[in-house]
């Protein structure tokens, strides 16, 4: 079996954040969030990273991140472009929004020849999930005719922004630690009286703080890639909003679960997630990285 590779989804320009947040420094020596993820991934055993980016940010991305990372890992690039569509389809007039996370992974298909992990570029995950992902992807799994995946399961309360709502994959997990359902909710946040709720519902749907959620941190077998292209065609045929609908990885995996074609082992994660959904989140992430460095979890200079 080929060694697992890490796929980093970095094509988004951060519309809510107001800039290319992937290259904004957060560490004491100018490190970006991605530097910490790649440092943790290397320590866990990952040797190859595939960055999924846009052609428009290629030069800036390589100068800020890719060229430096190439000194420690094997680096490959895949490009997620709006116009990269199956034959017979065209970009709807007025569409500027990217096609979503599953489309990003699909863009990397030609470069993936073994098990792979998937993460967001702008999320701090901590060391724990990378260790568990690598262990899962290098351990023979049950052969029962189903795709065997794993997912880092975070506690909802540890993944929220104080500055606004966030999108989260709300998970249902059985007594064996297997994912039974995932519901992608696009507007979860704090209520004025300190509860957690989905603001897209009327009245807002409340969630318990310990509810497990997906942060797009997945471990997948290479065979799963064969599902993405035909399902993208079906998505394009049936999308309800040509300007905003997204082809999302959690929704595809959720569909495979409901079809009985996949099993997902949920890897409980206890550390806090950090991210820069909004520009106002940046200061908090800088403080968190400084504290983690002072505690000795990371060196001043990541190597």
Protein backbone atom coordinates (compact mmCIF):
# COMPACT_ATOMS: atom_id res chain seq x y z
CA UNK A 1 0.00 0.00 0.00
CA UNK A 2 1.30 3.46 -0.87
CA UNK A 3 1.92 5.83 2.01
CA UNK A 4 -0.91 8.21 2.92
CA UNK A 5 -0.77 11.73 1.48
CA UNK A 6 -2.23 14.92 2.88
CA UNK A 7 -4.62 16.99 0.75
CA UNK A 8 -4.89 20.63 1.85
CA UNK A 9 -7.85 22.59 0.48
CA UNK A 10 -6.51 26.13 0.02
CA UNK A 11 -8.35 27.50 -3.01
CA UNK A 12 -10.71 29.78 -1.06
CA UNK A 13 -9.88 33.44 -0.86
CA UNK A 14 -11.75 33.91 2.42
CA UNK A 15 -14.81 35.90 1.36
CA UNK A 16 -16.07 36.49 4.92
CA UNK A 17 -12.55 37.21 6.14
CA UNK A 18 -11.78 39.79 3.47
CA UNK A 19 -8.46 38.56 2.11
CA UNK A 20 -6.25 35.56 1.44
CA UNK A 21 -6.30 34.38 5.04
CA UNK A 22 -4.23 31.28 4.24
CA UNK A 23 -1.05 33.38 4.26
CA UNK A 24 -1.76 35.75 7.16
CA UNK A 25 0.86 35.18 9.92
CA UNK A 26 -0.39 33.92 13.29
CA UNK A 27 2.78 32.47 14.86
CA UNK A 28 5.57 34.19 16.83
CA UNK A 29 7.95 33.92 13.87
CA UNK A 30 5.51 34.67 11.08
CA UNK A 31 4.04 31.16 10.82
CA UNK A 32 0.63 30.78 9.17
CA UNK A 33 -2.01 28.35 10.43
CA UNK A 34 -1.09 25.89 7.70
CA UNK A 35 2.49 25.71 8.99
CA UNK A 36 1.23 24.20 12.25
CA UNK A 37 -0.94 21.65 10.45
CA UNK A 38 1.95 20.60 8.22
CA UNK A 39 4.33 20.41 11.19
CA UNK A 40 1.87 18.16 13.04
CA UNK A 41 1.28 16.09 9.89
CA UNK A 42 5.01 15.52 9.38
CA UNK A 43 5.42 14.45 13.00
CA UNK A 44 2.57 11.97 12.50
CA UNK A 45 4.23 10.40 9.42
CA UNK A 46 2.87 12.24 6.36
CA UNK A 47 5.61 12.88 3.80
CA UNK A 48 3.65 14.26 0.82
CA UNK A 49 1.24 17.19 0.67
CA UNK A 50 -1.07 18.13 -2.20
CA UNK A 51 -2.15 21.76 -2.11
CA UNK A 52 -5.43 22.47 -3.89
CA UNK A 53 -5.30 26.11 -4.95
CA UNK A 54 -6.44 28.45 -7.72
CA UNK A 55 -4.19 29.48 -10.58
CA UNK A 56 -4.84 33.08 -9.57
CA UNK A 57 -3.04 32.67 -6.22
CA UNK A 58 -0.34 30.24 -7.37
CA UNK A 59 2.63 32.64 -7.29
CA UNK A 60 1.68 34.23 -3.97
CA UNK A 61 0.96 30.84 -2.40
CA UNK A 62 4.24 29.28 -3.49
CA UNK A 63 6.22 32.29 -2.32
CA UNK A 64 4.50 32.40 1.07
CA UNK A 65 4.14 28.68 1.81
CA UNK A 66 4.80 26.13 -0.89
CA UNK A 67 8.48 26.81 -1.57
CA UNK A 68 9.27 26.70 2.14
CA UNK A 69 7.28 23.52 2.77
CA UNK A 70 9.05 21.82 -0.15
CA UNK A 71 12.21 21.77 1.95
CA UNK A 72 10.58 19.37 4.42
CA UNK A 73 7.89 17.51 2.42
CA UNK A 74 7.21 16.45 -1.12
CA UNK A 75 4.85 19.11 -2.50
CA UNK A 76 2.34 18.76 -5.33
CA UNK A 77 -0.27 21.18 -6.65
CA UNK A 78 -3.79 20.66 -7.91
CA UNK A 79 -5.95 23.50 -9.21
CA UNK A 80 -9.61 24.01 -8.40
CA UNK A 81 -11.09 26.24 -11.07
CA UNK A 82 -14.70 27.33 -11.47
CA UNK A 83 -14.72 26.42 -15.16
CA UNK A 84 -13.43 22.87 -14.59
CA UNK A 85 -16.73 21.10 -15.26
CA UNK A 86 -17.79 17.81 -16.87
CA UNK A 87 -18.53 17.78 -20.58
CA UNK A 88 -21.85 19.40 -21.41
CA UNK A 89 -21.84 21.83 -18.47
CA UNK A 90 -20.92 25.51 -18.32
CA UNK A 91 -20.51 27.95 -15.45
CA UNK A 92 -23.91 29.55 -14.77
CA UNK A 93 -24.03 33.23 -15.67
CA UNK A 94 -23.14 35.28 -12.60
CA UNK A 95 -21.57 32.38 -10.68
CA UNK A 96 -18.37 33.36 -8.84
CA UNK A 97 -18.58 31.05 -5.80
CA UNK A 98 -16.29 27.97 -5.91
CA UNK A 99 -17.98 24.59 -6.33
CA UNK A 100 -17.17 23.37 -2.83
CA UNK A 101 -14.97 20.98 -0.88
CA UNK A 102 -15.74 17.78 -2.77
CA UNK A 103 -14.93 19.55 -6.03
CA UNK A 104 -11.62 20.59 -4.45
CA UNK A 105 -10.73 16.98 -3.63
CA UNK A 106 -11.83 15.89 -7.09
CA UNK A 107 -9.33 18.35 -8.55
CA UNK A 108 -6.55 16.40 -6.82
CA UNK A 109 -7.62 13.02 -8.20
CA UNK A 110 -4.79 12.69 -10.79
CA UNK A 111 -2.23 13.08 -7.98
CA UNK A 112 -3.70 10.59 -5.49
CA UNK A 113 -2.60 6.96 -5.73
CA UNK A 114 -3.18 5.75 -2.18
CA UNK A 115 -5.00 6.56 1.05
CA UNK A 116 -5.34 10.26 1.75
CA UNK A 117 -6.28 12.70 4.47
CA UNK A 118 -8.14 15.94 3.76
CA UNK A 119 -7.99 19.17 5.75
CA UNK A 120 -8.85 22.85 5.35
CA UNK A 121 -5.95 25.27 4.93
CA UNK A 122 -7.29 27.82 7.39
CA UNK A 123 -8.05 25.57 10.38
CA UNK A 124 -5.79 24.72 13.31
CA UNK A 125 -6.51 21.10 14.16
CA UNK A 126 -3.83 20.26 16.76
CA UNK A 127 -1.47 17.22 16.75
CA UNK A 128 -4.04 14.62 17.88
CA UNK A 129 -6.08 14.18 14.68
CA UNK A 130 -3.03 13.81 12.43
CA UNK A 131 -1.66 11.01 14.59
CA UNK A 132 -5.02 9.23 14.57
CA UNK A 133 -5.57 9.79 10.84
CA UNK A 134 -2.17 8.39 9.94
CA UNK A 135 -2.65 5.39 12.21
CA UNK A 136 -6.04 4.63 10.67
CA UNK A 137 -4.81 5.02 7.08
CA UNK A 138 -1.84 2.71 7.64
CA UNK A 139 -3.81 -0.01 9.46
CA UNK A 140 -5.63 -2.71 7.44
CA UNK A 141 -9.37 -2.14 7.76
CA UNK A 142 -12.30 -4.54 7.72
CA UNK A 143 -13.14 -5.83 4.25
CA UNK A 144 -16.94 -5.83 4.11
CA UNK A 145 -17.62 -4.24 0.73
CA UNK A 146 -17.91 -0.73 2.19
CA UNK A 147 -15.56 2.22 1.96
CA UNK A 148 -13.69 2.55 5.27
CA UNK A 149 -13.18 6.18 6.27
CA UNK A 150 -12.32 8.05 9.41
CA UNK A 151 -13.17 11.54 10.60
CA UNK A 152 -11.82 13.78 13.33
CA UNK A 153 -14.80 14.53 15.56
CA UNK A 154 -14.58 17.83 17.41
CA UNK A 155 -16.86 19.10 20.17
CA UNK A 156 -19.07 21.85 18.78
CA UNK A 157 -18.34 24.25 21.63
CA UNK A 158 -14.61 24.05 20.77
CA UNK A 159 -15.15 25.11 17.16
CA UNK A 160 -17.19 28.32 17.28
CA UNK A 161 -16.25 31.89 16.48
CA UNK A 162 -17.16 34.69 18.85
CA UNK A 163 -17.45 37.02 15.86
CA UNK A 164 -20.26 35.40 13.88
CA UNK A 165 -21.84 32.19 12.65
CA UNK A 166 -19.98 29.27 11.07
CA UNK A 167 -20.73 26.26 8.87
CA UNK A 168 -20.40 22.90 10.62
CA UNK A 169 -21.13 19.28 9.77
CA UNK A 170 -23.25 18.16 12.74
CA UNK A 171 -22.67 14.45 13.37
CA UNK A 172 -24.63 11.58 14.85
CA UNK A 173 -22.38 8.84 16.27
CA UNK A 174 -23.45 5.37 17.44
CA UNK A 175 -22.27 3.44 20.49
CA UNK A 176 -19.45 1.87 18.46
CA UNK A 177 -17.97 5.22 17.49
CA UNK A 178 -19.27 5.06 13.92
CA UNK A 179 -20.81 7.99 12.12
CA UNK A 180 -24.46 7.35 11.29
CA UNK A 181 -25.39 10.75 9.85
CA UNK A 182 -23.88 14.13 9.07
CA UNK A 183 -25.95 17.25 8.59
CA UNK A 184 -24.18 20.23 7.04
CA UNK A 185 -25.50 23.35 8.77
CA UNK A 186 -24.38 26.69 7.36
CA UNK A 187 -25.12 29.19 10.16
CA UNK A 188 -24.34 27.95 13.68
CA UNK A 189 -23.38 30.41 16.39
CA UNK A 190 -23.94 31.78 19.87
CA UNK A 191 -27.31 33.20 20.85
CA UNK A 192 -27.42 36.42 22.94
CA UNK A 193 -28.17 34.34 26.07
CA UNK A 194 -25.21 31.96 25.59
CA UNK A 195 -26.79 28.99 23.84
CA UNK A 196 -25.55 27.37 20.60
CA UNK A 197 -28.05 27.31 17.76
CA UNK A 198 -28.54 27.08 14.01
CA UNK A 199 -29.65 30.55 12.99
CA UNK A 200 -31.01 29.34 9.67
CA UNK A 201 -33.95 27.76 11.51
CA UNK A 202 -37.01 29.59 12.81
CA UNK A 203 -36.98 29.38 15.74
CA UNK A 204 -33.20 28.68 15.93
CA UNK A 205 -32.41 24.98 16.49
CA UNK A 206 -30.40 24.52 19.67
CA UNK A 207 -27.39 22.14 19.96
CA UNK A 208 -25.64 20.74 23.02
CA UNK A 209 -22.07 22.06 23.49
CA UNK A 210 -20.58 18.54 23.26
CA UNK A 211 -22.29 17.71 19.95
CA UNK A 212 -19.69 16.11 17.64
CA UNK A 213 -18.98 18.03 14.46
CA UNK A 214 -16.86 17.59 11.36
CA UNK A 215 -14.19 20.16 10.60
CA UNK A 216 -13.39 18.67 7.18
CA UNK A 217 -10.63 16.52 8.64
CA UNK A 218 -11.07 13.14 6.92
CA UNK A 219 -9.14 9.97 6.20
CA UNK A 220 -10.18 8.21 2.98
CA UNK A 221 -9.26 5.16 0.89
CA UNK A 222 -8.14 5.88 -2.66
CA UNK A 223 -11.12 3.90 -3.99
CA UNK A 224 -13.44 6.64 -2.70
CA UNK A 225 -12.24 8.92 -5.49
CA UNK A 226 -14.28 6.97 -8.03
CA UNK A 227 -17.47 8.26 -6.42
CA UNK A 228 -16.77 11.96 -6.81
CA UNK A 229 -16.96 12.56 -10.57
CA UNK A 230 -20.34 10.86 -11.27
CA UNK A 231 -21.87 12.42 -8.17
CA UNK A 232 -20.66 15.85 -9.30
CA UNK A 233 -22.62 15.38 -12.52
CA UNK A 234 -25.73 14.56 -10.50
CA UNK A 235 -25.12 17.59 -8.30
CA UNK A 236 -24.91 19.89 -11.33
CA UNK A 237 -28.11 18.39 -12.75
CA UNK A 238 -30.08 18.91 -9.54
CA UNK A 239 -28.58 21.91 -7.71
CA UNK A 240 -31.27 24.24 -6.44
CA UNK A 241 -29.26 27.47 -6.65
CA UNK A 242 -26.93 27.78 -9.68
CA UNK A 243 -25.13 30.74 -8.10
CA UNK A 244 -24.54 29.43 -4.57
CA UNK A 245 -25.03 25.65 -4.30
CA UNK A 246 -21.85 23.77 -3.32
CA UNK A 247 -20.69 20.20 -3.88
CA UNK A 248 -19.63 19.41 -0.31
CA UNK A 249 -17.53 16.49 0.90
CA UNK A 250 -19.59 15.91 4.09
CA UNK A 251 -22.78 15.70 2.03
CA UNK A 252 -21.28 13.12 -0.34
CA UNK A 253 -20.04 11.03 2.57
CA UNK A 254 -23.43 11.38 4.24
CA UNK A 255 -25.11 10.09 1.10
CA UNK A 256 -22.77 7.07 1.01
CA UNK A 257 -23.65 6.36 4.65
CA UNK A 258 -27.37 6.45 3.93
CA UNK A 259 -26.82 4.14 0.95
CA UNK A 260 -24.99 1.65 3.19
CA UNK A 261 -21.84 1.95 1.07
CA UNK A 262 -19.47 3.51 3.60
CA UNK A 263 -18.46 3.25 7.24
CA UNK A 264 -16.85 6.18 9.04
CA UNK A 265 -14.93 5.73 12.27
CA UNK A 266 -15.12 8.92 14.34
CA UNK A 267 -11.83 9.81 16.03
CA UNK A 268 -12.70 11.88 19.13
CA UNK A 269 -10.66 15.08 19.35
CA UNK A 270 -10.43 16.84 22.69
CA UNK A 271 -8.30 19.87 21.88
CA UNK A 272 -9.71 23.23 20.83
CA UNK A 273 -9.96 24.13 17.15
CA UNK A 274 -8.81 27.54 16.00
CA UNK A 275 -9.61 29.27 12.74
CA UNK A 276 -9.99 32.65 11.08
CA UNK A 277 -13.50 32.60 9.70
CA UNK A 278 -13.68 36.34 10.28
CA UNK A 279 -10.91 38.94 10.30
CA UNK A 280 -11.70 39.67 13.94
CA UNK A 281 -10.74 36.06 14.80
CA UNK A 282 -7.11 36.73 13.87
CA UNK A 283 -6.04 38.26 17.17
CA UNK A 284 -7.44 35.32 19.13
CA UNK A 285 -5.57 32.80 16.98
CA UNK A 286 -2.31 34.74 17.38
CA UNK A 287 -2.73 34.62 21.17
CA UNK A 288 -3.51 30.90 21.08
CA UNK A 289 -0.44 30.05 19.00
CA UNK A 290 1.75 32.10 21.33
CA UNK A 291 0.36 30.21 24.33
CA UNK A 292 0.86 26.79 22.69
CA UNK A 293 4.43 27.76 21.86
CA UNK A 294 5.07 28.92 25.43
CA UNK A 295 3.69 25.62 26.71
CA UNK A 296 6.25 23.75 24.59
CA UNK A 297 3.86 22.12 22.15
CA UNK A 298 5.63 23.89 19.28
CA UNK A 299 9.15 25.30 18.92
CA UNK A 300 9.65 28.97 18.17
CA UNK A 301 10.80 28.01 14.68
CA UNK A 302 8.93 25.14 13.00
CA UNK A 303 11.15 22.74 11.05
